[in-house]
All heavy atoms as atom14 arrays in JSON, in Angstrom:
{
  "sequence": "GIYRHFDSKQQLAGEAFDYAWKLAIDTRFEGTQDIP",
  "atom14_mask": [
    [1, 1, 1, 1, 0, 0, 0, 0, 0, 0, 0, 0, 0, 0],
    [1, 1, 1, 1, 1, 1, 1, 1, 0, 0, 0, 0, 0, 0],
    [1, 1, 1, 1, 1, 1, 1, 1, 1, 1, 1, 1, 0, 0],
    [1, 1, 1, 1, 1, 1, 1, 1, 1, 1, 1, 0, 0, 0],
    [1, 1, 1, 1, 1, 1, 1, 1, 1, 1, 0, 0, 0, 0],
    [1, 1, 1, 1, 1, 1, 1, 1, 1, 1, 1, 0, 0, 0],
    [1, 1, 1, 1, 1, 1, 1, 1, 0, 0, 0, 0, 0, 0],
    [1, 1, 1, 1, 1, 1, 0, 0, 0, 0, 0, 0, 0, 0],
    [1, 1, 1, 1, 1, 1, 1, 1, 1, 0, 0, 0, 0, 0],
    [1, 1, 1, 1, 1, 1, 1, 1, 1, 0, 0, 0, 0, 0],
    [1, 1, 1, 1, 1, 1, 1, 1, 1, 0, 0, 0, 0, 0],
    [1, 1, 1, 1, 1, 1, 1, 1, 0, 0, 0, 0, 0, 0],
    [1, 1, 1, 1, 1, 0, 0, 0, 0, 0, 0, 0, 0, 0],
    [1, 1, 1, 1, 0, 0, 0, 0, 0, 0, 0, 0, 0, 0],
    [1, 1, 1, 1, 1, 1, 1, 1, 1, 0, 0, 0, 0, 0],
    [1, 1, 1, 1, 1, 0, 0, 0, 0, 0, 0, 0, 0, 0],
    [1, 1, 1, 1, 1, 1, 1, 1, 1, 1, 1, 0, 0, 0],
    [1, 1, 1, 1, 1, 1, 1, 1, 0, 0, 0, 0, 0, 0],
    [1, 1, 1, 1, 1, 1, 1, 1, 1, 1, 1, 1, 0, 0],
    [1, 1, 1, 1, 1, 0, 0, 0, 0, 0, 0, 0, 0, 0],
    [1, 1, 1, 1, 1, 1, 1, 1, 1, 1, 1, 1, 1, 1],
    [1, 1, 1, 1, 1, 1, 1, 1, 1, 0, 0, 0, 0, 0],
    [1, 1, 1, 1, 1, 1, 1, 1, 0, 0, 0, 0, 0, 0],
    [1, 1, 1, 1, 1, 0, 0, 0, 0, 0, 0, 0, 0, 0],
    [1, 1, 1, 1, 1, 1, 1, 1, 0, 0, 0, 0, 0, 0],
    [1, 1, 1, 1, 1, 1, 1, 1, 0, 0, 0, 0, 0, 0],
    [1, 1, 1, 1, 1, 1, 1, 0, 0, 0, 0, 0, 0, 0],
    [1, 1, 1, 1, 1, 1, 1, 1, 1, 1, 1, 0, 0, 0],
    [1, 1, 1, 1, 1, 1, 1, 1, 1, 1, 1, 0, 0, 0],
    [1, 1, 1, 1, 1, 1, 1, 1, 1, 0, 0, 0, 0, 0],
    [1, 1, 1, 1, 0, 0, 0, 0, 0, 0, 0, 0, 0, 0],
    [1, 1, 1, 1, 1, 1, 1, 0, 0, 0, 0, 0, 0, 0],
    [1, 1, 1, 1, 1, 1, 1, 1, 1, 0, 0, 0, 0, 0],
    [1, 1, 1, 1, 1, 1, 1, 1, 0, 0, 0, 0, 0, 0],
    [1, 1, 1, 1, 1, 1, 1, 1, 0, 0, 0, 0, 0, 0],
    [1, 1, 1, 1, 1, 1, 1, 0, 0, 0, 0, 0, 0, 0]
  ],
  "atom14_positions": [
    [[7.27, 2.18, -9.1], [8.39, 1.56, -8.41], [7.98, 0.33, -7.62], [8.73, -0.65, -7.51], [0.0, 0.0, 0.0], [0.0, 0.0, 0.0], [0.0, 0.0, 0.0], [0.0, 0.0, 0.0], [0.0, 0.0, 0.0], [0.0, 0.0, 0.0], [0.0, 0.0, 0.0], [0.0, 0.0, 0.0], [0.0, 0.0, 0.0], [0.0, 0.0, 0.0]],
    [[6.77, 0.39, -7.07], [6.25, -0.75, -6.32], [5.85, -1.88, -7.26], [6.26, -3.04, -7.12], [5.05, -0.34, -5.45], [5.5, 0.64, -4.36], [4.39, -1.57, -4.83], [4.36, 1.21, -3.54], [0.0, 0.0, 0.0], [0.0, 0.0, 0.0], [0.0, 0.0, 0.0], [0.0, 0.0, 0.0], [0.0, 0.0, 0.0], [0.0, 0.0, 0.0]],
    [[5.06, -1.52, -8.28], [4.51, -2.56, -9.16], [5.49, -3.01, -10.23], [5.16, -3.86, -11.05], [3.19, -2.07, -9.75], [2.11, -2.03, -8.69], [1.45, -0.86, -8.39], [1.79, -3.18, -7.96], [0.47, -0.8, -7.4], [0.82, -3.14, -6.97], [0.17, -1.96, -6.69], [-0.78, -1.94, -5.71], [0.0, 0.0, 0.0], [0.0, 0.0, 0.0]],
    [[6.7, -2.48, -10.19], [7.76, -3.05, -11.01], [8.17, -4.42, -10.45], [8.68, -5.28, -11.17], [8.97, -2.12, -11.04], [10.11, -2.59, -11.95], [11.27, -1.6, -11.97], [10.83, -0.3, -12.46], [10.93, 0.83, -11.75], [11.42, 0.8, -10.53], [10.53, 1.97, -12.27], [0.0, 0.0, 0.0], [0.0, 0.0, 0.0], [0.0, 0.0, 0.0]],
    [[7.92, -4.59, -9.15], [8.34, -5.82, -8.47], [7.18, -6.78, -8.17], [7.42, -7.93, -7.79], [9.04, -5.47, -7.16], [10.27, -4.63, -7.35], [11.5, -5.16, -7.66], [10.44, -3.27, -7.3], [12.39, -4.18, -7.77], [11.77, -3.04, -7.56], [0.0, 0.0, 0.0], [0.0, 0.0, 0.0], [0.0, 0.0, 0.0], [0.0, 0.0, 0.0]],
    [[5.95, -6.3, -8.33], [4.78, -7.12, -8.01], [3.73, -6.95, -9.09], [3.52, -5.85, -9.6], [4.19, -6.72, -6.64], [5.18, -6.85, -5.52], [5.97, -5.77, -5.15], [5.32, -8.06, -4.85], [6.9, -5.89, -4.13], [6.25, -8.19, -3.82], [7.04, -7.1, -3.46], [0.0, 0.0, 0.0], [0.0, 0.0, 0.0], [0.0, 0.0, 0.0]],
    [[3.05, -8.04, -9.42], [2.04, -7.99, -10.46], [0.81, -7.22, -10.02], [0.09, -6.66, -10.85], [1.62, -9.41, -10.87], [2.76, -10.17, -11.53], [3.67, -9.51, -12.08], [2.75, -11.41, -11.48], [0.0, 0.0, 0.0], [0.0, 0.0, 0.0], [0.0, 0.0, 0.0], [0.0, 0.0, 0.0], [0.0, 0.0, 0.0], [0.0, 0.0, 0.0]],
    [[0.53, -7.22, -8.72], [-0.71, -6.61, -8.22], [-0.61, -6.36, -6.73], [0.3, -6.86, -6.05], [-1.89, -7.55, -8.49], [-1.71, -8.77, -7.76], [0.0, 0.0, 0.0], [0.0, 0.0, 0.0], [0.0, 0.0, 0.0], [0.0, 0.0, 0.0], [0.0, 0.0, 0.0], [0.0, 0.0, 0.0], [0.0, 0.0, 0.0], [0.0, 0.0, 0.0]],
    [[-1.55, -5.62, -6.21], [-1.66, -5.41, -4.76], [-1.91, -6.75, -4.07], [-1.43, -6.99, -2.97], [-2.8, -4.42, -4.47], [-3.03, -4.15, -2.99], [-4.22, -3.22, -2.79], [-4.51, -2.99, -1.32], [-5.71, -2.15, -1.11], [0.0, 0.0, 0.0], [0.0, 0.0, 0.0], [0.0, 0.0, 0.0], [0.0, 0.0, 0.0], [0.0, 0.0, 0.0]],
    [[-2.67, -7.62, -4.73], [-2.97, -8.93, -4.18], [-1.68, -9.73, -3.94], [-1.51, -10.35, -2.88], [-3.88, -9.71, -5.13], [-4.28, -11.09, -4.64], [-5.37, -11.04, -3.58], [-6.37, -10.37, -3.77], [-5.16, -11.73, -2.47], [0.0, 0.0, 0.0], [0.0, 0.0, 0.0], [0.0, 0.0, 0.0], [0.0, 0.0, 0.0], [0.0, 0.0, 0.0]],
    [[-0.79, -9.72, -4.89], [0.47, -10.44, -4.74], [1.3, -9.86, -3.62], [1.87, -10.6, -2.79], [1.28, -10.4, -6.05], [2.56, -11.23, -5.96], [3.44, -11.09, -7.18], [3.38, -10.1, -7.91], [4.27, -12.09, -7.44], [0.0, 0.0, 0.0], [0.0, 0.0, 0.0], [0.0, 0.0, 0.0], [0.0, 0.0, 0.0], [0.0, 0.0, 0.0]],
    [[1.37, -8.53, -3.53], [2.12, -7.87, -2.46], [1.52, -8.22, -1.11], [2.26, -8.53, -0.15], [2.15, -6.37, -2.68], [2.81, -5.53, -1.57], [4.23, -6.02, -1.29], [2.8, -4.05, -1.94], [0.0, 0.0, 0.0], [0.0, 0.0, 0.0], [0.0, 0.0, 0.0], [0.0, 0.0, 0.0], [0.0, 0.0, 0.0], [0.0, 0.0, 0.0]],
    [[0.21, -8.19, -1.0], [-0.46, -8.51, 0.27], [-0.16, -9.95, 0.69], [0.09, -10.23, 1.86], [-1.96, -8.31, 0.15], [0.0, 0.0, 0.0], [0.0, 0.0, 0.0], [0.0, 0.0, 0.0], [0.0, 0.0, 0.0], [0.0, 0.0, 0.0], [0.0, 0.0, 0.0], [0.0, 0.0, 0.0], [0.0, 0.0, 0.0], [0.0, 0.0, 0.0]],
    [[-0.17, -10.86, -0.28], [0.11, -12.26, 0.03], [1.53, -12.46, 0.53], [1.76, -13.19, 1.5], [0.0, 0.0, 0.0], [0.0, 0.0, 0.0], [0.0, 0.0, 0.0], [0.0, 0.0, 0.0], [0.0, 0.0, 0.0], [0.0, 0.0, 0.0], [0.0, 0.0, 0.0], [0.0, 0.0, 0.0], [0.0, 0.0, 0.0], [0.0, 0.0, 0.0]],
    [[2.48, -11.81, -0.11], [3.87, -11.96, 0.31], [4.14, -11.22, 1.6], [5.0, -11.64, 2.4], [4.8, -11.52, -0.82], [4.63, -12.38, -2.07], [5.82, -12.33, -2.99], [6.96, -12.17, -2.5], [5.61, -12.46, -4.21], [0.0, 0.0, 0.0], [0.0, 0.0, 0.0], [0.0, 0.0, 0.0], [0.0, 0.0, 0.0], [0.0, 0.0, 0.0]],
    [[3.43, -10.13, 1.84], [3.55, -9.43, 3.12], [3.02, -10.31, 4.25], [3.59, -10.34, 5.35], [2.78, -8.11, 3.07], [0.0, 0.0, 0.0], [0.0, 0.0, 0.0], [0.0, 0.0, 0.0], [0.0, 0.0, 0.0], [0.0, 0.0, 0.0], [0.0, 0.0, 0.0], [0.0, 0.0, 0.0], [0.0, 0.0, 0.0], [0.0, 0.0, 0.0]],
    [[1.93, -11.03, 4.0], [1.42, -11.98, 5.0], [2.44, -13.08, 5.26], [2.71, -13.44, 6.41], [0.1, -12.59, 4.56], [-0.33, -13.73, 5.45], [-0.88, -13.48, 6.69], [-0.14, -15.05, 5.05], [-1.23, -14.54, 7.54], [-0.5, -16.11, 5.88], [-1.04, -15.84, 7.12], [0.0, 0.0, 0.0], [0.0, 0.0, 0.0], [0.0, 0.0, 0.0]],
    [[3.02, -13.64, 4.19], [4.02, -14.7, 4.35], [5.17, -14.23, 5.22], [5.66, -14.96, 6.1], [4.55, -15.14, 2.99], [3.53, -15.91, 2.16], [2.56, -16.43, 2.75], [3.71, -15.98, 0.93], [0.0, 0.0, 0.0], [0.0, 0.0, 0.0], [0.0, 0.0, 0.0], [0.0, 0.0, 0.0], [0.0, 0.0, 0.0], [0.0, 0.0, 0.0]],
    [[5.62, -13.0, 4.99], [6.72, -12.42, 5.77], [6.33, -12.29, 7.24], [7.07, -12.7, 8.14], [7.11, -11.06, 5.19], [8.04, -10.26, 6.06], [9.42, -10.47, 6.01], [7.55, -9.3, 6.95], [10.28, -9.74, 6.82], [8.4, -8.57, 7.75], [9.76, -8.79, 7.69], [10.61, -8.07, 8.5], [0.0, 0.0, 0.0], [0.0, 0.0, 0.0]],
    [[5.15, -11.71, 7.49], [4.69, -11.5, 8.86], [4.47, -12.82, 9.57], [4.79, -12.97, 10.76], [3.41, -10.66, 8.87], [0.0, 0.0, 0.0], [0.0, 0.0, 0.0], [0.0, 0.0, 0.0], [0.0, 0.0, 0.0], [0.0, 0.0, 0.0], [0.0, 0.0, 0.0], [0.0, 0.0, 0.0], [0.0, 0.0, 0.0], [0.0, 0.0, 0.0]],
    [[3.92, -13.79, 8.86], [3.63, -15.08, 9.48], [4.91, -15.84, 9.81], [5.02, -16.46, 10.88], [2.74, -15.92, 8.57], [2.5, -17.28, 9.14], [2.86, -18.48, 8.61], [1.85, -17.59, 10.38], [2.49, -19.51, 9.43], [1.86, -18.99, 10.53], [1.26, -16.81, 11.37], [1.31, -19.63, 11.64], [0.71, -17.44, 12.48], [0.74, -18.84, 12.6]],
    [[5.9, -15.81, 8.93], [7.17, -16.5, 9.21], [7.82, -15.92, 10.46], [8.32, -16.66, 11.32], [8.12, -16.39, 8.03], [9.41, -17.2, 8.24], [10.34, -17.13, 7.06], [11.54, -18.08, 7.24], [12.24, -17.96, 8.52], [0.0, 0.0, 0.0], [0.0, 0.0, 0.0], [0.0, 0.0, 0.0], [0.0, 0.0, 0.0], [0.0, 0.0, 0.0]],
    [[7.79, -14.61, 10.59], [8.36, -13.98, 11.78], [7.6, -14.42, 13.03], [8.21, -14.75, 14.06], [8.31, -12.46, 11.64], [8.9, -11.65, 12.79], [10.37, -11.98, 13.0], [8.73, -10.15, 12.53], [0.0, 0.0, 0.0], [0.0, 0.0, 0.0], [0.0, 0.0, 0.0], [0.0, 0.0, 0.0], [0.0, 0.0, 0.0], [0.0, 0.0, 0.0]],
    [[6.28, -14.49, 12.94], [5.46, -14.88, 14.09], [5.71, -16.33, 14.47], [5.93, -16.65, 15.65], [3.98, -14.66, 13.77], [0.0, 0.0, 0.0], [0.0, 0.0, 0.0], [0.0, 0.0, 0.0], [0.0, 0.0, 0.0], [0.0, 0.0, 0.0], [0.0, 0.0, 0.0], [0.0, 0.0, 0.0], [0.0, 0.0, 0.0], [0.0, 0.0, 0.0]],
    [[5.68, -17.23, 13.51], [5.8, -18.66, 13.83], [7.22, -18.98, 14.31], [7.4, -19.8, 15.23], [5.39, -19.53, 12.62], [4.94, -20.92, 13.1], [6.48, -19.63, 11.6], [3.63, -20.93, 13.82], [0.0, 0.0, 0.0], [0.0, 0.0, 0.0], [0.0, 0.0, 0.0], [0.0, 0.0, 0.0], [0.0, 0.0, 0.0], [0.0, 0.0, 0.0]],
    [[8.24, -18.34, 13.73], [9.61, -18.58, 14.19], [9.8, -18.09, 15.62], [10.48, -18.75, 16.43], [10.61, -17.88, 13.26], [10.75, -18.56, 11.91], [10.21, -19.67, 11.74], [11.38, -17.96, 11.01], [0.0, 0.0, 0.0], [0.0, 0.0, 0.0], [0.0, 0.0, 0.0], [0.0, 0.0, 0.0], [0.0, 0.0, 0.0], [0.0, 0.0, 0.0]],
    [[9.2, -16.95, 15.95], [9.3, -16.39, 17.3], [8.6, -17.29, 18.31], [9.1, -17.53, 19.41], [8.7, -14.98, 17.34], [9.44, -14.13, 16.45], [8.76, -14.38, 18.74], [0.0, 0.0, 0.0], [0.0, 0.0, 0.0], [0.0, 0.0, 0.0], [0.0, 0.0, 0.0], [0.0, 0.0, 0.0], [0.0, 0.0, 0.0], [0.0, 0.0, 0.0]],
    [[7.45, -17.8, 17.94], [6.67, -18.63, 18.87], [7.31, -19.98, 19.15], [7.17, -20.51, 20.24], [5.25, -18.81, 18.31], [4.45, -17.51, 18.35], [3.19, -17.59, 17.52], [2.48, -16.32, 17.55], [1.39, -16.07, 16.84], [0.89, -17.0, 16.05], [0.81, -14.89, 16.91], [0.0, 0.0, 0.0], [0.0, 0.0, 0.0], [0.0, 0.0, 0.0]],
    [[8.01, -20.53, 18.17], [8.66, -21.82, 18.38], [10.12, -21.68, 18.82], [10.8, -22.68, 19.03], [8.61, -22.65, 17.1], [7.31, -23.37, 16.9], [6.34, -22.86, 16.05], [7.03, -24.56, 17.59], [5.12, -23.52, 15.86], [5.83, -25.22, 17.41], [4.86, -24.7, 16.55], [0.0, 0.0, 0.0], [0.0, 0.0, 0.0], [0.0, 0.0, 0.0]],
    [[10.59, -20.45, 18.99], [11.99, -20.22, 19.33], [12.35, -20.93, 20.64], [11.68, -20.78, 21.66], [12.26, -18.72, 19.46], [13.71, -18.38, 19.65], [13.97, -16.88, 19.59], [13.04, -16.12, 19.26], [15.11, -16.48, 19.89], [0.0, 0.0, 0.0], [0.0, 0.0, 0.0], [0.0, 0.0, 0.0], [0.0, 0.0, 0.0], [0.0, 0.0, 0.0]],
    [[13.42, -21.68, 20.6], [13.91, -22.37, 21.79], [13.27, -23.72, 22.04], [13.8, -24.52, 22.83], [0.0, 0.0, 0.0], [0.0, 0.0, 0.0], [0.0, 0.0, 0.0], [0.0, 0.0, 0.0], [0.0, 0.0, 0.0], [0.0, 0.0, 0.0], [0.0, 0.0, 0.0], [0.0, 0.0, 0.0], [0.0, 0.0, 0.0], [0.0, 0.0, 0.0]],
    [[12.16, -24.01, 21.41], [11.49, -25.29, 21.69], [12.3, -26.48, 21.2], [12.22, -27.56, 21.78], [10.08, -25.34, 21.04], [10.21, -25.15, 19.61], [9.19, -24.23, 21.59], [0.0, 0.0, 0.0], [0.0, 0.0, 0.0], [0.0, 0.0, 0.0], [0.0, 0.0, 0.0], [0.0, 0.0, 0.0], [0.0, 0.0, 0.0], [0.0, 0.0, 0.0]],
    [[13.09, -26.27, 20.15], [13.87, -27.38, 19.61], [14.98, -27.82, 20.57], [15.53, -28.91, 20.43], [14.47, -27.0, 18.24], [15.53, -25.93, 18.3], [14.96, -24.52, 18.33], [13.74, -24.32, 18.38], [15.85, -23.53, 18.29], [0.0, 0.0, 0.0], [0.0, 0.0, 0.0], [0.0, 0.0, 0.0], [0.0, 0.0, 0.0], [0.0, 0.0, 0.0]],
    [[15.31, -26.98, 21.55], [16.38, -27.3, 22.49], [15.87, -28.07, 23.72], [16.66, -28.45, 24.58], [17.07, -26.01, 22.96], [17.68, -25.24, 21.8], [18.21, -25.89, 20.87], [17.64, -24.0, 21.82], [0.0, 0.0, 0.0], [0.0, 0.0, 0.0], [0.0, 0.0, 0.0], [0.0, 0.0, 0.0], [0.0, 0.0, 0.0], [0.0, 0.0, 0.0]],
    [[14.56, -28.26, 23.81], [13.96, -28.92, 24.97], [13.57, -30.34, 24.59], [12.79, -30.54, 23.66], [12.73, -28.13, 25.46], [13.16, -26.73, 25.89], [12.04, -28.86, 26.6], [12.01, -25.84, 26.31], [0.0, 0.0, 0.0], [0.0, 0.0, 0.0], [0.0, 0.0, 0.0], [0.0, 0.0, 0.0], [0.0, 0.0, 0.0], [0.0, 0.0, 0.0]],
    [[14.09, -31.35, 25.29], [13.81, -32.73, 24.9], [12.39, -33.2, 25.21], [11.82, -33.99, 24.45], [14.84, -33.54, 25.7], [15.2, -32.66, 26.86], [15.09, -31.25, 26.37], [0.0, 0.0, 0.0], [0.0, 0.0, 0.0], [0.0, 0.0, 0.0], [0.0, 0.0, 0.0], [0.0, 0.0, 0.0], [0.0, 0.0, 0.0], [0.0, 0.0, 0.0]]
  ]
}
């Protein structure tokens, strides 16, 4: 069921990192765009 959606553990790990990193970077920059 897992590998029906991913070619390998490596691919899943990479996309899991992308997900975690996007959440981290969006949280860290939150509100900064509103400050001149």
